[in-house]
Amino acid sequence: MSEKKKTEQTPILKIEHMNITFTQYDRGMRQTELPVIRNLDVEVHAGEMVAVVGSSGSGKSLLAHGVMGVLPYNASMGGRILYCGEELTKQRIERLRGNEIVLVPQSIAYLNPLMKIGSQICKGSKDEKVKRKLRDIFARYSLKPEVEELYPFELSGGMNRRILISTALIEEPKLVIADEPTPGLDLKMAKRAMEHFRELADMGAGVLVITHDLELALETADRIAVFYAGTTLEEATVSDFEREETLRHPYSKALWRAMPKNGFGFVSGEQPYVKDLPGGCPFAPRCGRCTEECRKGEIPSREIRGGRVRCLHLEESFAE
């Protein structure tokens, strides 16, 4: 999708300064607030596939649950979520969830163990057009027609994963959010799953795919949003990942070096737990370019050559 066309459109999904905090009890009745997501920004346009990448615990799945309005009871959320230019209120998401806005969840536990697969995907519809579409989807995913009459417990984990993806393909949604849709699938099937999300974007939907597999995302997505410790460190086009020099944030560069084709590069240290978050940039303790300034206060997001980044120390060629 061209940058010019994208800027002329209102985003399907626009998240501004999302904050998600969990309230827990520590040592008896003392409440503790855990800021799991902080000042997170993401947007997705119609016809665009955006991949959210980052290590486990970075807040990727909570982003999906926050948009869909299915956060746990002890979570509170701040910031703004806009859908097609209008506030996505609790009442609005409840109305749109499952038809215009579809979630492909991470866990196969979302499947109803007491309902047959065909009825779950078609939501009980007996319409012959829907049935034909289901058979076509099954053919794409190498699922035999008789699977329609089976229950989730009669299928393997990989087959149930394909069933979850099918629930999005049976609809004609405007926004698809896929939370880690490929674990449990072999490489061929995982690539095919990502290609089907690409097809949904090419048909006009906005697609947000949450994944830990950067290489797979680079084959199908338009843009990559890099998460770390609950915030967006960089948003970049897929072409920016062709070379380390065209990436902006040190963590994005570290992800690039860690890919097999680039030598399995390694950065010492680990992503901080939410209770141990440092001040300023969360990547500061692992960054070779860190200064005292990096540890003070919120790092602003700024636009640099077609992407966005939270970093104070960019190369001069990028900062110009």
Protein backbone atom coordinates (compact mmCIF):
# COMPACT_ATOMS: atom_id res chain seq x y z
CA MET A 1 0.00 0.00 0.00
CA SER A 2 1.52 3.35 -1.04
CA GLU A 3 2.30 5.98 1.61
CA LYS A 4 0.39 8.61 -0.41
CA LYS A 5 -2.77 6.51 -0.58
CA LYS A 6 -2.47 5.63 3.10
CA THR A 7 -2.26 9.24 4.26
CA GLU A 8 -5.38 10.13 2.28
CA GLN A 9 -7.48 7.63 4.25
CA THR A 10 -8.90 7.59 7.72
CA PRO A 11 -7.34 4.59 9.49
CA ILE A 12 -9.56 1.58 10.12
CA LEU A 13 -7.91 1.36 13.54
CA LYS A 14 -6.02 4.10 15.36
CA ILE A 15 -4.68 3.57 18.87
CA GLU A 16 -3.34 6.62 20.68
CA HIS A 17 -1.44 6.48 23.99
CA MET A 18 -2.94 3.16 25.11
CA ASN A 19 -2.23 2.35 28.74
CA ILE A 20 -3.27 -0.90 30.42
CA THR A 21 -2.78 -1.35 34.15
CA PHE A 22 -3.50 -4.37 36.32
CA THR A 23 -4.53 -4.01 39.95
CA GLN A 24 -3.12 -6.72 42.20
CA TYR A 25 -2.97 -7.31 45.93
CA ASP A 26 0.46 -7.60 47.46
CA ARG A 27 1.11 -8.65 51.06
CA GLY A 28 -2.41 -8.82 52.34
CA MET A 29 -4.71 -5.98 51.28
CA ARG A 30 -2.09 -3.64 49.85
CA GLN A 31 -2.92 -2.79 46.23
CA THR A 32 -0.23 -2.73 43.56
CA GLU A 33 -0.66 -1.16 40.13
CA LEU A 34 1.22 -2.89 37.30
CA PRO A 35 1.52 -0.72 34.14
CA VAL A 36 1.77 -3.54 31.59
CA ILE A 37 1.23 -1.32 28.52
CA ARG A 38 2.40 2.29 28.48
CA ASN A 39 1.80 4.99 25.88
CA LEU A 40 1.32 2.57 23.00
CA ASP A 41 0.47 3.83 19.49
CA VAL A 42 -0.53 1.76 16.45
CA GLU A 43 -2.66 2.40 13.39
CA VAL A 44 -3.95 0.20 10.58
CA HIS A 45 -5.43 1.36 7.28
CA ALA A 46 -7.86 -0.41 4.96
CA GLY A 47 -5.97 -2.71 2.62
CA GLU A 48 -2.97 -2.81 4.94
CA MET A 49 -1.44 -5.62 6.98
CA VAL A 50 0.50 -4.50 10.05
CA ALA A 51 2.53 -7.01 12.06
CA VAL A 52 3.21 -6.42 15.74
CA VAL A 53 6.44 -8.16 16.74
CA GLY A 54 8.24 -8.52 20.04
CA SER A 55 9.29 -11.07 22.62
CA SER A 56 6.93 -12.77 25.07
CA GLY A 57 5.71 -10.43 27.79
CA SER A 58 5.96 -7.28 25.67
CA GLY A 59 2.19 -6.66 25.74
CA LYS A 60 1.27 -7.85 22.27
CA SER A 61 -1.73 -9.99 23.23
CA LEU A 62 -3.04 -7.37 25.66
CA LEU A 63 -3.18 -4.95 22.74
CA ALA A 64 -5.62 -7.29 20.98
CA HIS A 65 -7.71 -7.85 24.09
CA GLY A 66 -7.84 -4.12 24.78
CA VAL A 67 -9.19 -3.34 21.31
CA MET A 68 -11.74 -6.16 21.51
CA GLY A 69 -12.93 -5.10 24.97
CA VAL A 70 -12.14 -8.45 26.60
CA LEU A 71 -9.57 -7.46 29.23
CA PRO A 72 -9.63 -9.21 32.65
CA TYR A 73 -11.77 -7.70 35.41
CA ASN A 74 -8.74 -6.29 37.25
CA ALA A 75 -7.43 -4.38 34.23
CA SER A 76 -8.06 -0.73 33.44
CA MET A 77 -7.32 0.93 30.12
CA GLY A 78 -6.61 4.52 29.11
CA GLY A 79 -5.90 6.32 25.86
CA ARG A 80 -8.02 6.44 22.70
CA ILE A 81 -9.09 3.76 20.24
CA LEU A 82 -10.68 4.98 17.02
CA TYR A 83 -12.43 2.70 14.54
CA CYS A 84 -13.10 4.25 11.12
CA GLY A 85 -12.53 7.68 12.66
CA GLU A 86 -14.96 7.30 15.58
CA GLU A 87 -14.39 6.38 19.22
CA LEU A 88 -14.55 2.64 19.80
CA THR A 89 -16.70 2.65 22.93
CA LYS A 90 -17.68 -0.41 24.95
CA GLN A 91 -21.17 -0.38 23.43
CA ARG A 92 -19.78 -0.05 19.90
CA ILE A 93 -17.25 -2.90 20.18
CA GLU A 94 -19.93 -5.19 21.61
CA ARG A 95 -22.04 -4.48 18.53
CA LEU A 96 -19.23 -4.90 15.99
CA ARG A 97 -17.27 -7.74 17.59
CA GLY A 98 -17.58 -10.96 15.62
CA ASN A 99 -18.78 -9.41 12.36
CA GLU A 100 -17.07 -6.14 11.32
CA ILE A 101 -14.23 -6.65 13.80
CA VAL A 102 -12.94 -10.20 14.11
CA LEU A 103 -10.38 -11.62 16.55
CA VAL A 104 -8.42 -14.76 15.75
CA PRO A 105 -7.37 -15.69 19.31
CA GLN A 106 -4.10 -17.25 20.38
CA SER A 107 -5.52 -20.11 22.41
CA ILE A 108 -7.60 -22.96 21.00
CA ALA A 109 -9.47 -22.85 24.33
CA TYR A 110 -11.67 -20.21 22.65
CA LEU A 111 -13.32 -23.01 20.68
CA ASN A 112 -16.52 -24.39 22.21
CA PRO A 113 -15.78 -28.04 23.13
CA LEU A 114 -19.48 -28.93 23.02
CA MET A 115 -20.22 -27.56 19.52
CA LYS A 116 -19.36 -29.11 16.18
CA ILE A 117 -16.69 -27.35 14.13
CA GLY A 118 -18.95 -26.47 11.21
CA SER A 119 -21.59 -24.86 13.43
CA GLN A 120 -18.94 -22.84 15.28
CA ILE A 121 -17.40 -21.40 12.13
CA CYS A 122 -20.75 -20.70 10.45
CA LYS A 123 -22.31 -19.48 13.73
CA GLY A 124 -25.22 -21.86 13.22
CA SER A 125 -26.06 -20.54 9.73
CA LYS A 126 -27.72 -23.03 7.35
CA ASP A 127 -27.26 -20.75 4.32
CA GLU A 128 -25.88 -22.74 1.38
CA LYS A 129 -23.61 -19.84 0.35
CA VAL A 130 -21.98 -19.93 3.78
CA LYS A 131 -21.64 -23.71 3.57
CA ARG A 132 -19.89 -23.45 0.18
CA LYS A 133 -17.54 -20.85 1.57
CA LEU A 134 -16.75 -23.16 4.50
CA ARG A 135 -15.91 -26.02 2.14
CA ASP A 136 -13.64 -23.71 0.15
CA ILE A 137 -11.83 -22.64 3.33
CA PHE A 138 -11.41 -26.27 4.38
CA ALA A 139 -9.87 -27.06 0.99
CA ARG A 140 -7.38 -24.22 1.43
CA TYR A 141 -6.26 -25.57 4.80
CA SER A 142 -6.19 -29.25 3.82
CA LEU A 143 -9.13 -30.03 6.12
CA LYS A 144 -11.41 -32.85 5.01
CA PRO A 145 -15.17 -32.11 4.66
CA GLU A 146 -15.99 -34.51 7.51
CA VAL A 147 -14.17 -32.18 9.96
CA GLU A 148 -17.33 -30.06 9.86
CA GLU A 149 -19.12 -32.74 11.91
CA LEU A 150 -16.34 -33.21 14.48
CA TYR A 151 -15.74 -31.59 17.86
CA PRO A 152 -12.53 -29.71 18.80
CA PHE A 153 -11.29 -32.52 21.08
CA GLU A 154 -11.32 -34.89 18.08
CA LEU A 155 -8.77 -32.74 16.21
CA SER A 156 -5.06 -32.12 16.68
CA GLY A 157 -3.75 -28.81 18.02
CA GLY A 158 -2.57 -27.78 14.55
CA MET A 159 -5.96 -28.55 13.02
CA ASN A 160 -7.75 -26.54 15.72
CA ARG A 161 -5.38 -23.65 14.98
CA ARG A 162 -6.54 -23.75 11.35
CA ILE A 163 -10.15 -23.78 12.57
CA LEU A 164 -9.53 -20.55 14.53
CA ILE A 165 -8.19 -18.86 11.40
CA SER A 166 -11.23 -20.09 9.45
CA THR A 167 -13.55 -18.17 11.78
CA ALA A 168 -12.10 -14.92 10.37
CA LEU A 169 -12.17 -16.04 6.75
CA ILE A 170 -15.87 -17.00 6.88
CA GLU A 171 -16.77 -13.36 7.63
CA GLU A 172 -16.19 -10.27 5.49
CA PRO A 173 -14.72 -8.07 8.23
CA LYS A 174 -13.33 -4.56 8.00
CA LEU A 175 -10.78 -5.24 10.74
CA VAL A 176 -9.06 -8.53 11.57
CA ILE A 177 -6.87 -8.90 14.66
CA ALA A 178 -4.89 -12.14 14.73
CA ASP A 179 -3.15 -12.97 18.02
CA GLU A 180 -0.24 -15.37 17.36
CA PRO A 181 -2.11 -17.31 14.63
CA THR A 182 0.72 -19.64 13.56
CA PRO A 183 2.14 -21.54 16.61
CA GLY A 184 1.57 -25.29 16.22
CA LEU A 185 1.52 -25.06 12.42
CA ASP A 186 4.34 -26.42 10.28
CA LEU A 187 6.22 -23.86 8.19
CA LYS A 188 4.23 -24.52 5.01
CA MET A 189 0.88 -24.15 6.77
CA ALA A 190 2.09 -21.12 8.76
CA LYS A 191 3.08 -19.36 5.54
CA ARG A 192 -0.28 -20.23 4.01
CA ALA A 193 -2.09 -18.81 7.06
CA MET A 194 -0.18 -15.53 6.79
CA GLU A 195 -0.90 -15.41 3.07
CA HIS A 196 -4.62 -15.68 3.78
CA PHE A 197 -4.41 -12.69 6.12
CA ARG A 198 -2.60 -10.92 3.30
CA GLU A 199 -5.50 -11.79 1.01
CA LEU A 200 -7.97 -10.26 3.48
CA ALA A 201 -5.93 -7.04 3.41
CA ASP A 202 -5.80 -7.09 -0.39
CA MET A 203 -9.59 -7.40 -0.38
CA GLY A 204 -9.81 -4.16 1.61
CA ALA A 205 -9.74 -5.17 5.27
CA GLY A 206 -7.32 -3.76 7.81
CA VAL A 207 -5.29 -6.61 9.32
CA LEU A 208 -3.30 -6.48 12.56
CA VAL A 209 -1.24 -9.65 13.11
CA ILE A 210 0.47 -10.16 16.46
CA THR A 211 3.43 -12.52 16.12
CA HIS A 212 6.85 -13.40 17.48
CA ASP A 213 7.96 -14.60 14.01
CA LEU A 214 9.60 -11.58 12.40
CA GLU A 215 10.77 -13.46 9.32
CA LEU A 216 7.27 -14.73 8.56
CA ALA A 217 5.83 -11.24 9.09
CA LEU A 218 8.32 -9.69 6.68
CA GLU A 219 7.10 -11.98 3.90
CA THR A 220 3.49 -10.75 4.03
CA ALA A 221 3.03 -7.52 6.01
CA ASP A 222 3.27 -3.89 4.86
CA ARG A 223 4.53 -2.43 8.13
CA ILE A 224 6.11 -3.73 11.31
CA ALA A 225 5.41 -2.34 14.78
CA VAL A 226 8.20 -3.31 17.20
CA PHE A 227 7.06 -3.77 20.82
CA TYR A 228 9.26 -3.97 23.88
CA ALA A 229 8.23 -3.99 27.54
CA GLY A 230 4.74 -2.67 26.85
CA THR A 231 5.42 0.13 24.39
CA THR A 232 6.03 0.73 20.69
CA LEU A 233 9.70 1.45 20.06
CA GLU A 234 9.47 1.68 16.28
CA GLU A 235 7.08 1.50 13.35
CA ALA A 236 8.82 0.70 10.07
CA THR A 237 8.00 -0.46 6.58
CA VAL A 238 8.96 -3.99 5.59
CA SER A 239 11.56 -2.56 3.21
CA ASP A 240 13.31 -0.92 6.18
CA PHE A 241 14.19 -4.42 7.40
CA GLU A 242 16.20 -5.18 4.27
CA ARG A 243 19.25 -3.57 5.89
CA GLU A 244 20.21 -2.83 9.48
CA GLU A 245 21.18 0.72 8.51
CA THR A 246 17.62 1.66 7.50
CA LEU A 247 16.18 0.71 10.89
CA ARG A 248 15.96 3.37 13.58
CA HIS A 249 15.87 1.90 17.08
CA PRO A 250 18.70 -0.19 18.63
CA TYR A 251 16.22 -2.92 19.58
CA SER A 252 14.91 -3.15 15.99
CA LYS A 253 18.51 -3.46 14.83
CA ALA A 254 19.05 -6.21 17.41
CA LEU A 255 16.02 -8.10 16.07
CA TRP A 256 17.44 -7.77 12.56
CA ARG A 257 20.80 -9.18 13.66
CA ALA A 258 19.05 -12.05 15.50
CA MET A 259 17.42 -13.41 12.32
CA PRO A 260 19.06 -16.62 11.05
CA LYS A 261 20.08 -15.06 7.72
CA ASN A 262 21.89 -12.30 9.62
CA GLY A 263 23.90 -14.51 11.93
CA PHE A 264 21.74 -15.10 15.05
CA GLY A 265 23.11 -11.96 16.72
CA PHE A 266 22.67 -11.73 20.49
CA VAL A 267 22.20 -8.81 22.89
CA SER A 268 23.02 -9.50 26.53
CA GLY A 269 20.37 -8.95 29.18
CA GLU A 270 16.62 -9.55 29.07
CA GLN A 271 13.37 -7.67 28.78
CA PRO A 272 12.50 -6.21 32.20
CA TYR A 273 9.53 -7.48 34.16
CA VAL A 274 6.81 -4.88 34.63
CA LYS A 275 7.71 -4.41 38.33
CA ASP A 276 11.34 -3.71 37.38
CA LEU A 277 10.85 -1.28 34.51
CA PRO A 278 13.61 1.35 34.34
CA GLY A 279 12.86 5.03 33.94
CA GLY A 280 12.89 6.42 30.42
CA CYS A 281 13.58 4.00 27.57
CA PRO A 282 12.83 0.40 28.66
CA PHE A 283 15.65 -0.87 26.43
CA ALA A 284 18.22 1.44 28.08
CA PRO A 285 19.90 -1.21 30.30
CA ARG A 286 20.73 -3.30 27.19
CA CYS A 287 21.59 -0.47 24.79
CA GLY A 288 25.19 0.36 23.93
CA ARG A 289 24.23 3.95 23.09
CA CYS A 290 22.41 4.64 26.36
CA THR A 291 23.12 7.90 28.18
CA GLU A 292 21.71 9.38 31.39
CA GLU A 293 19.21 11.31 29.27
CA CYS A 294 17.72 8.00 28.07
CA ARG A 295 16.80 7.08 31.65
CA LYS A 296 14.83 10.24 32.39
CA GLY A 297 11.10 10.45 31.74
CA GLU A 298 9.01 9.47 28.74
CA ILE A 299 10.81 9.11 25.40
CA PRO A 300 8.68 10.88 22.77
CA SER A 301 7.72 9.22 19.50
CA ARG A 302 8.87 11.11 16.43
CA GLU A 303 8.52 10.61 12.71
CA ILE A 304 11.74 9.90 10.84
CA ARG A 305 11.78 9.13 7.11
CA GLY A 306 8.44 7.39 6.80
CA GLY A 307 8.56 5.60 10.15
CA ARG A 308 8.17 6.38 13.83
CA VAL A 309 10.67 5.76 16.63
CA ARG A 310 11.19 6.38 20.35
CA CYS A 311 14.91 7.08 20.58
CA LEU A 312 17.01 10.11 21.51
CA HIS A 313 20.18 9.05 19.73
CA LEU A 314 19.63 8.51 16.03
CA GLU A 315 22.29 8.65 13.38
CA GLU A 316 22.62 12.10 11.86
CA SER A 317 21.63 10.76 8.46
CA PHE A 318 18.25 9.71 9.91
CA ALA A 319 17.68 12.78 12.05
CA GLU A 320 18.13 15.25 9.21
